[in-house]
Each structure stands twice: as C-alpha cells, then as structure tokens.
Amino acid sequence: MAKSTPVLFVALMASLTFAPSLASAQLADVAVVVNPANPVSSISLAELRKIFAGEKRSWQGGLPMRPIVRPQGCHERLALLRLLGMSEGEYKQYWTAQVFRGEVGSEPSTVPSVGMQKEAISVLPGAITLVDASDVKPGMKVVKIDGHLPGEPGYPLH
C-alpha cells in the first residue's frame, strides 16, 4: 500500500495543477471574424446561429456567406456546437441531411489552423469564422455579438 501512495499523490497534484487551466480554457471567449471588406460590424447571437446552421446564406446586399469551421476537438468547434445546441454526431447528421436534401451544396469548410482561418477570411469575401479570442491576429475583423466584443461583460460566445 505504501508504494501506491506516491502515485496517488502525483495524480492528485496533477489534477489540481491542470484543473484551473481546463476550466479557464472552457470559458475563453470565441471571436466572430469576417472578411475585412465586409461592412457588418455587429450581429445578434440568433443571427449567428442561423448562419452556422445554414439557415441564413447571404449577407445584406446578396453576397453569399461562407462559414468556415475548425475541426472536432478544437475550442472553436466546441463553442460552435454549444451555439447550435448539438453534439458532434448531431452536427454531422444535420449537415449530411442538408446536403442530401439539396438545401446546401456542402457543409461549412473545415480548416485545421488559425493561419488557414486567417487566409480563408482574407480571400473569401463572404467568409465568417469563429476564432479563439486569444488567437485573433492583426488584419482580422472581429464582429460584435449583441453589441459586445470578446472580453467585454455580457459577451455570449465561449
């Protein structure tokens, strides 16, 4: 029994060390970023939900929206799933059904890195994506949600 005590102690210390960082990562704000030429500066949370659910497909003026998402397991993907009220499996089924019924041509484009998000946003005029607020780079246009920017009290997307 004495040999297992150090192992339990190390496991306990590790859980205490990493628990606060995991909790703060789950609460970190996620910014909504659009192409810099897009005139939009603020959208509602309900409108954002419709955009990423494929229910709203064009910006004012008719420019097609191009939602860009991060892959499964990323903080931004978790925020997207919370926004839509779906699990990963439900999200996949939802988009498969949308495509199958011909309601959309394809599910949102998935990019593996923040660098690729920045590149896609800069070259696709109708692009919109979710970026961990700490990863926002110069040149990225952050849009307010319900009048709030990431880091402000009342900001709804984490």
N, C-alpha and C. Protein backbone atom coordinates (compact mmCIF):
# COMPACT_ATOMS: atom_id res chain seq x y z
N MET A 1 0.81 -1.19 0.00
CA MET A 1 0.00 0.00 0.00
C MET A 1 0.86 1.26 0.00
N ALA A 2 2.00 1.20 0.65
CA ALA A 2 2.88 2.36 0.73
C ALA A 2 3.41 2.77 -0.64
N LYS A 3 3.59 1.81 -1.55
CA LYS A 3 4.10 2.14 -2.89
C LYS A 3 3.07 2.88 -3.72
N SER A 4 1.79 2.69 -3.49
CA SER A 4 0.77 3.37 -4.29
C SER A 4 0.53 4.79 -3.81
N THR A 5 0.93 5.14 -2.60
CA THR A 5 0.71 6.47 -2.07
C THR A 5 1.37 7.55 -2.92
N PRO A 6 2.65 7.40 -3.34
CA PRO A 6 3.25 8.44 -4.20
C PRO A 6 2.52 8.59 -5.52
N VAL A 7 2.04 7.48 -6.07
CA VAL A 7 1.31 7.56 -7.35
C VAL A 7 0.01 8.34 -7.16
N LEU A 8 -0.70 8.08 -6.08
CA LEU A 8 -1.94 8.81 -5.81
C LEU A 8 -1.65 10.29 -5.57
N PHE A 9 -0.56 10.57 -4.86
CA PHE A 9 -0.18 11.95 -4.59
C PHE A 9 0.11 12.70 -5.90
N VAL A 10 0.86 12.06 -6.78
CA VAL A 10 1.20 12.68 -8.07
C VAL A 10 -0.07 12.90 -8.89
N ALA A 11 -0.96 11.92 -8.92
CA ALA A 11 -2.22 12.06 -9.67
C ALA A 11 -3.06 13.19 -9.10
N LEU A 12 -3.13 13.30 -7.79
CA LEU A 12 -3.90 14.37 -7.15
C LEU A 12 -3.31 15.73 -7.48
N MET A 13 -1.99 15.85 -7.38
CA MET A 13 -1.33 17.12 -7.67
C MET A 13 -1.52 17.51 -9.14
N ALA A 14 -1.44 16.56 -10.03
CA ALA A 14 -1.64 16.84 -11.45
C ALA A 14 -3.05 17.34 -11.70
N SER A 15 -4.03 16.74 -11.07
CA SER A 15 -5.41 17.17 -11.29
C SER A 15 -5.63 18.57 -10.74
N LEU A 16 -4.99 18.91 -9.62
CA LEU A 16 -5.12 20.25 -9.06
C LEU A 16 -4.38 21.27 -9.92
N THR A 17 -3.29 20.87 -10.51
CA THR A 17 -2.50 21.78 -11.34
C THR A 17 -3.21 22.09 -12.64
N PHE A 18 -3.80 21.11 -13.29
CA PHE A 18 -4.39 21.31 -14.61
C PHE A 18 -5.85 21.70 -14.58
N ALA A 19 -6.56 21.46 -13.50
CA ALA A 19 -7.99 21.77 -13.44
C ALA A 19 -8.28 23.24 -13.70
N PRO A 20 -7.57 24.21 -13.07
CA PRO A 20 -7.89 25.61 -13.35
C PRO A 20 -7.67 25.98 -14.81
N SER A 21 -6.62 25.46 -15.45
CA SER A 21 -6.38 25.82 -16.84
C SER A 21 -7.44 25.24 -17.75
N LEU A 22 -7.93 24.04 -17.45
CA LEU A 22 -9.00 23.46 -18.25
C LEU A 22 -10.28 24.27 -18.10
N ALA A 23 -10.58 24.69 -16.88
CA ALA A 23 -11.79 25.48 -16.65
C ALA A 23 -11.70 26.81 -17.38
N SER A 24 -10.54 27.48 -17.32
CA SER A 24 -10.43 28.77 -17.99
C SER A 24 -10.47 28.60 -19.51
N ALA A 25 -9.94 27.50 -20.04
CA ALA A 25 -9.99 27.26 -21.48
C ALA A 25 -11.43 27.10 -21.93
N GLN A 26 -12.25 26.48 -21.11
CA GLN A 26 -13.65 26.28 -21.49
C GLN A 26 -14.41 27.60 -21.47
N LEU A 27 -13.95 28.59 -20.70
CA LEU A 27 -14.65 29.85 -20.59
C LEU A 27 -14.05 30.94 -21.47
N ALA A 28 -12.98 30.65 -22.19
CA ALA A 28 -12.34 31.66 -23.03
C ALA A 28 -13.30 32.10 -24.13
N ASP A 29 -13.29 33.40 -24.41
CA ASP A 29 -14.16 33.95 -25.44
C ASP A 29 -13.74 33.48 -26.83
N VAL A 30 -14.74 33.34 -27.68
CA VAL A 30 -14.52 32.97 -29.08
C VAL A 30 -15.03 34.12 -29.93
N ALA A 31 -14.14 34.70 -30.72
CA ALA A 31 -14.47 35.85 -31.56
C ALA A 31 -15.12 35.42 -32.87
N VAL A 32 -16.02 36.26 -33.36
CA VAL A 32 -16.60 36.07 -34.69
C VAL A 32 -15.81 36.98 -35.62
N VAL A 33 -15.23 36.38 -36.66
CA VAL A 33 -14.36 37.11 -37.57
C VAL A 33 -14.91 37.00 -38.99
N VAL A 34 -14.90 38.13 -39.70
CA VAL A 34 -15.37 38.18 -41.08
C VAL A 34 -14.29 38.79 -41.97
N ASN A 35 -14.49 38.69 -43.28
CA ASN A 35 -13.60 39.31 -44.25
C ASN A 35 -13.51 40.81 -43.94
N PRO A 36 -12.30 41.39 -43.98
CA PRO A 36 -12.14 42.81 -43.66
C PRO A 36 -13.00 43.76 -44.51
N ALA A 37 -13.35 43.38 -45.72
CA ALA A 37 -14.17 44.24 -46.59
C ALA A 37 -15.66 44.13 -46.27
N ASN A 38 -16.04 43.18 -45.44
CA ASN A 38 -17.45 43.01 -45.09
C ASN A 38 -17.90 44.21 -44.25
N PRO A 39 -18.98 44.90 -44.64
CA PRO A 39 -19.40 46.08 -43.88
C PRO A 39 -20.06 45.78 -42.53
N VAL A 40 -20.39 44.53 -42.25
CA VAL A 40 -21.06 44.21 -40.99
C VAL A 40 -20.11 44.46 -39.82
N SER A 41 -20.66 45.02 -38.75
CA SER A 41 -19.85 45.27 -37.55
C SER A 41 -20.45 44.62 -36.32
N SER A 42 -21.72 44.22 -36.40
CA SER A 42 -22.39 43.60 -35.26
C SER A 42 -23.51 42.70 -35.77
N ILE A 43 -23.67 41.55 -35.11
CA ILE A 43 -24.78 40.65 -35.41
C ILE A 43 -25.34 40.13 -34.10
N SER A 44 -26.53 39.59 -34.16
CA SER A 44 -27.14 39.01 -32.96
C SER A 44 -26.70 37.56 -32.81
N LEU A 45 -26.80 37.04 -31.61
CA LEU A 45 -26.48 35.64 -31.39
C LEU A 45 -27.41 34.75 -32.19
N ALA A 46 -28.69 35.13 -32.29
CA ALA A 46 -29.66 34.35 -33.07
C ALA A 46 -29.27 34.33 -34.55
N GLU A 47 -28.81 35.47 -35.07
CA GLU A 47 -28.38 35.53 -36.47
C GLU A 47 -27.13 34.67 -36.69
N LEU A 48 -26.20 34.71 -35.74
CA LEU A 48 -25.00 33.88 -35.83
C LEU A 48 -25.37 32.40 -35.87
N ARG A 49 -26.31 32.01 -35.04
CA ARG A 49 -26.78 30.62 -35.01
C ARG A 49 -27.35 30.23 -36.38
N LYS A 50 -28.15 31.12 -36.98
CA LYS A 50 -28.73 30.84 -38.30
C LYS A 50 -27.66 30.72 -39.38
N ILE A 51 -26.63 31.55 -39.29
CA ILE A 51 -25.54 31.50 -40.28
C ILE A 51 -24.85 30.15 -40.21
N PHE A 52 -24.47 29.71 -39.01
CA PHE A 52 -23.72 28.45 -38.88
C PHE A 52 -24.61 27.22 -38.97
N ALA A 53 -25.94 27.43 -38.98
CA ALA A 53 -26.86 26.32 -39.22
C ALA A 53 -27.25 26.25 -40.70
N GLY A 54 -26.74 27.19 -41.49
CA GLY A 54 -27.05 27.20 -42.92
C GLY A 54 -28.43 27.74 -43.24
N GLU A 55 -29.09 28.36 -42.26
CA GLU A 55 -30.43 28.90 -42.47
C GLU A 55 -30.38 30.30 -43.08
N LYS A 56 -29.31 31.00 -42.84
CA LYS A 56 -29.09 32.32 -43.45
C LYS A 56 -27.87 32.17 -44.34
N ARG A 57 -28.05 32.49 -45.63
CA ARG A 57 -27.00 32.15 -46.60
C ARG A 57 -26.36 33.33 -47.31
N SER A 58 -26.87 34.55 -47.08
CA SER A 58 -26.25 35.69 -47.75
C SER A 58 -26.25 36.92 -46.85
N TRP A 59 -25.22 37.73 -47.05
CA TRP A 59 -25.10 38.99 -46.34
C TRP A 59 -26.03 40.00 -46.98
N GLN A 60 -26.30 41.08 -46.27
CA GLN A 60 -27.09 42.16 -46.85
C GLN A 60 -26.39 42.60 -48.12
N GLY A 61 -27.13 42.72 -49.19
CA GLY A 61 -26.54 43.05 -50.49
C GLY A 61 -26.38 41.82 -51.37
N GLY A 62 -26.62 40.62 -50.81
CA GLY A 62 -26.62 39.41 -51.61
C GLY A 62 -25.33 38.61 -51.66
N LEU A 63 -24.27 39.08 -51.02
CA LEU A 63 -23.01 38.34 -51.01
C LEU A 63 -23.20 37.01 -50.27
N PRO A 64 -22.87 35.87 -50.92
CA PRO A 64 -23.05 34.58 -50.24
C PRO A 64 -22.15 34.46 -49.01
N MET A 65 -22.73 33.92 -47.94
CA MET A 65 -21.96 33.67 -46.72
C MET A 65 -21.14 32.39 -46.90
N ARG A 66 -19.95 32.37 -46.34
CA ARG A 66 -19.06 31.21 -46.42
C ARG A 66 -18.60 30.86 -45.01
N PRO A 67 -19.40 30.13 -44.24
CA PRO A 67 -18.95 29.74 -42.89
C PRO A 67 -17.73 28.82 -42.97
N ILE A 68 -16.77 29.09 -42.12
CA ILE A 68 -15.55 28.30 -42.03
C ILE A 68 -15.45 27.84 -40.58
N VAL A 69 -15.23 26.55 -40.38
CA VAL A 69 -15.20 26.00 -39.02
C VAL A 69 -13.88 25.29 -38.75
N ARG A 70 -13.60 25.09 -37.48
CA ARG A 70 -12.42 24.34 -37.06
C ARG A 70 -12.83 22.88 -36.86
N PRO A 71 -11.86 21.96 -36.84
CA PRO A 71 -12.19 20.53 -36.73
C PRO A 71 -12.63 20.13 -35.32
N GLN A 72 -13.14 18.93 -35.25
CA GLN A 72 -13.59 18.34 -34.00
C GLN A 72 -12.48 18.42 -32.95
N GLY A 73 -12.87 18.77 -31.72
CA GLY A 73 -11.93 18.83 -30.61
C GLY A 73 -11.36 20.21 -30.34
N CYS A 74 -11.44 21.13 -31.29
CA CYS A 74 -10.93 22.49 -31.09
C CYS A 74 -11.91 23.30 -30.23
N HIS A 75 -11.36 24.27 -29.50
CA HIS A 75 -12.19 25.14 -28.66
C HIS A 75 -13.28 25.81 -29.48
N GLU A 76 -12.93 26.29 -30.67
CA GLU A 76 -13.91 26.97 -31.52
C GLU A 76 -15.02 26.01 -31.95
N ARG A 77 -14.69 24.75 -32.18
CA ARG A 77 -15.70 23.76 -32.58
C ARG A 77 -16.66 23.51 -31.42
N LEU A 78 -16.12 23.43 -30.21
CA LEU A 78 -16.97 23.24 -29.03
C LEU A 78 -17.92 24.42 -28.86
N ALA A 79 -17.42 25.64 -29.08
CA ALA A 79 -18.28 26.82 -29.00
C ALA A 79 -19.36 26.77 -30.07
N LEU A 80 -19.00 26.33 -31.27
CA LEU A 80 -19.97 26.18 -32.37
C LEU A 80 -21.07 25.19 -31.99
N LEU A 81 -20.67 24.05 -31.45
CA LEU A 81 -21.66 23.04 -31.06
C LEU A 81 -22.59 23.56 -29.97
N ARG A 82 -22.03 24.32 -29.01
CA ARG A 82 -22.88 24.92 -27.96
C ARG A 82 -23.83 25.93 -28.58
N LEU A 83 -23.33 26.74 -29.52
CA LEU A 83 -24.16 27.73 -30.19
C LEU A 83 -25.35 27.07 -30.88
N LEU A 84 -25.09 25.95 -31.54
CA LEU A 84 -26.13 25.24 -32.28
C LEU A 84 -26.95 24.29 -31.41
N GLY A 85 -26.48 24.01 -30.20
CA GLY A 85 -27.18 23.08 -29.32
C GLY A 85 -27.11 21.66 -29.83
N MET A 86 -25.96 21.29 -30.40
CA MET A 86 -25.79 19.96 -30.99
C MET A 86 -24.54 19.28 -30.44
N SER A 87 -24.56 17.95 -30.51
CA SER A 87 -23.35 17.17 -30.26
C SER A 87 -22.60 17.09 -31.60
N GLU A 88 -21.38 16.57 -31.56
CA GLU A 88 -20.61 16.40 -32.80
C GLU A 88 -21.36 15.49 -33.77
N GLY A 89 -21.91 14.38 -33.26
CA GLY A 89 -22.66 13.46 -34.11
C GLY A 89 -23.89 14.10 -34.72
N GLU A 90 -24.60 14.88 -33.93
CA GLU A 90 -25.79 15.57 -34.44
C GLU A 90 -25.41 16.60 -35.51
N TYR A 91 -24.29 17.27 -35.28
CA TYR A 91 -23.81 18.26 -36.26
C TYR A 91 -23.53 17.58 -37.60
N LYS A 92 -22.83 16.45 -37.57
CA LYS A 92 -22.51 15.72 -38.81
C LYS A 92 -23.80 15.25 -39.49
N GLN A 93 -24.73 14.69 -38.72
CA GLN A 93 -26.01 14.23 -39.30
C GLN A 93 -26.80 15.39 -39.89
N TYR A 94 -26.81 16.51 -39.20
CA TYR A 94 -27.53 17.69 -39.65
C TYR A 94 -27.03 18.13 -41.03
N TRP A 95 -25.70 18.25 -41.17
CA TRP A 95 -25.16 18.72 -42.44
C TRP A 95 -25.27 17.67 -43.54
N THR A 96 -25.15 16.41 -43.19
CA THR A 96 -25.34 15.35 -44.18
C THR A 96 -26.77 15.42 -44.74
N ALA A 97 -27.74 15.62 -43.86
CA ALA A 97 -29.14 15.72 -44.29
C ALA A 97 -29.36 16.97 -45.14
N GLN A 98 -28.76 18.10 -44.75
CA GLN A 98 -28.90 19.34 -45.52
C GLN A 98 -28.39 19.15 -46.96
N VAL A 99 -27.24 18.52 -47.08
CA VAL A 99 -26.64 18.29 -48.40
C VAL A 99 -27.49 17.29 -49.18
N PHE A 100 -27.90 16.20 -48.53
CA PHE A 100 -28.70 15.16 -49.19
C PHE A 100 -30.00 15.72 -49.75
N ARG A 101 -30.66 16.61 -48.98
CA ARG A 101 -31.92 17.20 -49.42
C ARG A 101 -31.72 18.30 -50.47
N GLY A 102 -30.47 18.65 -50.74
CA GLY A 102 -30.18 19.69 -51.72
C GLY A 102 -30.40 21.09 -51.20
N GLU A 103 -30.50 21.25 -49.88
CA GLU A 103 -30.70 22.57 -49.30
C GLU A 103 -29.42 23.40 -49.31
N VAL A 104 -28.29 22.73 -49.30
CA VAL A 104 -26.98 23.39 -49.40
C VAL A 104 -26.08 22.53 -50.28
N GLY A 105 -25.07 23.15 -50.86
CA GLY A 105 -24.14 22.39 -51.70
C GLY A 105 -23.16 21.56 -50.90
N SER A 106 -22.78 22.07 -49.73
CA SER A 106 -21.83 21.35 -48.89
C SER A 106 -21.90 21.91 -47.47
N GLU A 107 -21.33 21.14 -46.54
CA GLU A 107 -21.25 21.65 -45.17
C GLU A 107 -20.18 22.73 -45.12
N PRO A 108 -20.14 23.53 -44.04
CA PRO A 108 -19.10 24.57 -43.96
C PRO A 108 -17.70 23.98 -44.13
N SER A 109 -16.82 24.76 -44.73
CA SER A 109 -15.43 24.34 -44.92
C SER A 109 -14.75 24.24 -43.55
N THR A 110 -13.93 23.20 -43.39
CA THR A 110 -13.20 22.99 -42.15
C THR A 110 -11.72 23.25 -42.41
N VAL A 111 -11.10 24.05 -41.56
CA VAL A 111 -9.67 24.34 -41.67
C VAL A 111 -8.97 23.94 -40.38
N PRO A 112 -7.76 23.39 -40.49
CA PRO A 112 -7.09 22.85 -39.31
C PRO A 112 -6.32 23.84 -38.45
N SER A 113 -6.15 25.09 -38.91
CA SER A 113 -5.32 26.00 -38.13
C SER A 113 -5.85 27.43 -38.18
N VAL A 114 -5.40 28.23 -37.22
CA VAL A 114 -5.76 29.64 -37.18
C VAL A 114 -5.18 30.35 -38.41
N GLY A 115 -3.98 29.96 -38.81
CA GLY A 115 -3.37 30.56 -40.00
C GLY A 115 -4.22 30.35 -41.23
N MET A 116 -4.77 29.16 -41.37
CA MET A 116 -5.65 28.88 -42.51
C MET A 116 -6.97 29.63 -42.39
N GLN A 117 -7.45 29.82 -41.17
CA GLN A 117 -8.65 30.63 -40.97
C GLN A 117 -8.38 32.05 -41.46
N LYS A 118 -7.26 32.61 -41.03
CA LYS A 118 -6.92 33.99 -41.42
C LYS A 118 -6.81 34.10 -42.93
N GLU A 119 -6.17 33.13 -43.56
CA GLU A 119 -6.03 33.14 -45.01
C GLU A 119 -7.40 33.06 -45.69
N ALA A 120 -8.24 32.15 -45.24
CA ALA A 120 -9.57 31.98 -45.84
C ALA A 120 -10.41 33.25 -45.68
N ILE A 121 -10.36 33.83 -44.51
CA ILE A 121 -11.13 35.06 -44.25
C ILE A 121 -10.66 36.18 -45.18
N SER A 122 -9.37 36.25 -45.42
CA SER A 122 -8.84 37.35 -46.24
C SER A 122 -9.15 37.18 -47.73
N VAL A 123 -9.30 35.96 -48.21
CA VAL A 123 -9.53 35.76 -49.65
C VAL A 123 -10.98 35.46 -50.04
N LEU A 124 -11.82 35.11 -49.08
CA LEU A 124 -13.22 34.81 -49.38
C LEU A 124 -14.10 35.96 -48.88
N PRO A 125 -14.65 36.77 -49.79
CA PRO A 125 -15.39 37.96 -49.37
C PRO A 125 -16.55 37.70 -48.40
N GLY A 126 -17.25 36.59 -48.51
CA GLY A 126 -18.39 36.31 -47.64
C GLY A 126 -18.05 35.45 -46.43
N ALA A 127 -16.77 35.25 -46.17
CA ALA A 127 -16.36 34.33 -45.11
C ALA A 127 -16.70 34.83 -43.71
N ILE A 128 -17.01 33.87 -42.85
CA ILE A 128 -17.24 34.12 -41.42
C ILE A 128 -16.73 32.90 -40.67
N THR A 129 -16.06 33.14 -39.56
CA THR A 129 -15.49 32.03 -38.79
C THR A 129 -15.47 32.38 -37.31
N LEU A 130 -15.24 31.37 -36.51
CA LEU A 130 -15.09 31.53 -35.06
C LEU A 130 -13.63 31.29 -34.71
N VAL A 131 -13.02 32.23 -33.99
CA VAL A 131 -11.61 32.16 -33.63
C VAL A 131 -11.48 32.38 -32.13
N ASP A 132 -10.70 31.53 -31.47
CA ASP A 132 -10.40 31.76 -30.06
C ASP A 132 -9.90 33.20 -29.95
N ALA A 133 -10.49 33.98 -29.06
CA ALA A 133 -10.16 35.41 -28.97
C ALA A 133 -8.66 35.65 -28.78
N SER A 134 -7.98 34.75 -28.11
CA SER A 134 -6.54 34.91 -27.90
C SER A 134 -5.74 34.68 -29.20
N ASP A 135 -6.37 34.11 -30.21
CA ASP A 135 -5.71 33.84 -31.49
C ASP A 135 -6.01 34.87 -32.58
N VAL A 136 -6.78 35.90 -32.25
CA VAL A 136 -7.10 36.92 -33.24
C VAL A 136 -5.81 37.63 -33.62
N LYS A 137 -5.56 37.73 -34.91
CA LYS A 137 -4.33 38.32 -35.46
C LYS A 137 -4.63 39.68 -36.09
N PRO A 138 -3.59 40.52 -36.23
CA PRO A 138 -3.80 41.80 -36.93
C PRO A 138 -4.37 41.54 -38.33
N GLY A 139 -5.30 42.39 -38.72
CA GLY A 139 -5.94 42.24 -40.02
C GLY A 139 -7.24 41.46 -39.97
N MET A 140 -7.52 40.78 -38.85
CA MET A 140 -8.79 40.05 -38.71
C MET A 140 -9.85 41.03 -38.20
N LYS A 141 -10.99 41.03 -38.85
CA LYS A 141 -12.09 41.91 -38.45
C LYS A 141 -13.03 41.15 -37.51
N VAL A 142 -13.06 41.58 -36.26
CA VAL A 142 -13.91 40.97 -35.24
C VAL A 142 -15.25 41.70 -35.22
N VAL A 143 -16.32 40.93 -35.21
CA VAL A 143 -17.68 41.45 -35.22
C VAL A 143 -18.27 41.34 -33.81
N LYS A 144 -19.02 42.35 -33.42
CA LYS A 144 -19.70 42.31 -32.13
C LYS A 144 -20.86 41.32 -32.18
N ILE A 145 -21.12 40.68 -31.06
CA ILE A 145 -22.31 39.83 -30.92
C ILE A 145 -23.22 40.50 -29.90
N ASP A 146 -24.43 40.80 -30.30
CA ASP A 146 -25.38 41.50 -29.44
C ASP A 146 -24.74 42.75 -28.81
N GLY A 147 -23.91 43.44 -29.61
CA GLY A 147 -23.31 44.69 -29.17
C GLY A 147 -22.06 44.56 -28.32
N HIS A 148 -21.55 43.33 -28.13
CA HIS A 148 -20.38 43.12 -27.27
C HIS A 148 -19.23 42.48 -28.05
N LEU A 149 -18.02 42.92 -27.74
CA LEU A 149 -16.81 42.31 -28.27
C LEU A 149 -16.28 41.29 -27.27
N PRO A 150 -15.46 40.35 -27.73
CA PRO A 150 -14.84 39.40 -26.78
C PRO A 150 -14.11 40.16 -25.68
N GLY A 151 -14.23 39.65 -24.47
CA GLY A 151 -13.59 40.26 -23.31
C GLY A 151 -14.47 41.25 -22.58
N GLU A 152 -15.55 41.69 -23.21
CA GLU A 152 -16.47 42.63 -22.56
C GLU A 152 -17.50 41.86 -21.74
N PRO A 153 -17.97 42.46 -20.64
CA PRO A 153 -19.04 41.82 -19.87
C PRO A 153 -20.27 41.59 -20.77
N GLY A 154 -20.88 40.45 -20.64
CA GLY A 154 -22.06 40.13 -21.43
C GLY A 154 -21.77 39.48 -22.76
N TYR A 155 -20.48 39.28 -23.07
CA TYR A 155 -20.17 38.63 -24.34
C TYR A 155 -20.65 37.18 -24.28
N PRO A 156 -21.44 36.72 -25.25
CA PRO A 156 -22.12 35.43 -25.10
C PRO A 156 -21.42 34.17 -25.64
N LEU A 157 -20.33 34.33 -26.36
CA LEU A 157 -19.76 33.15 -27.04
C LEU A 157 -18.44 32.72 -26.37
N HIS A 158 -18.47 31.51 -25.79
CA HIS A 158 -17.29 30.98 -25.07
C HIS A 158 -16.97 29.58 -25.56
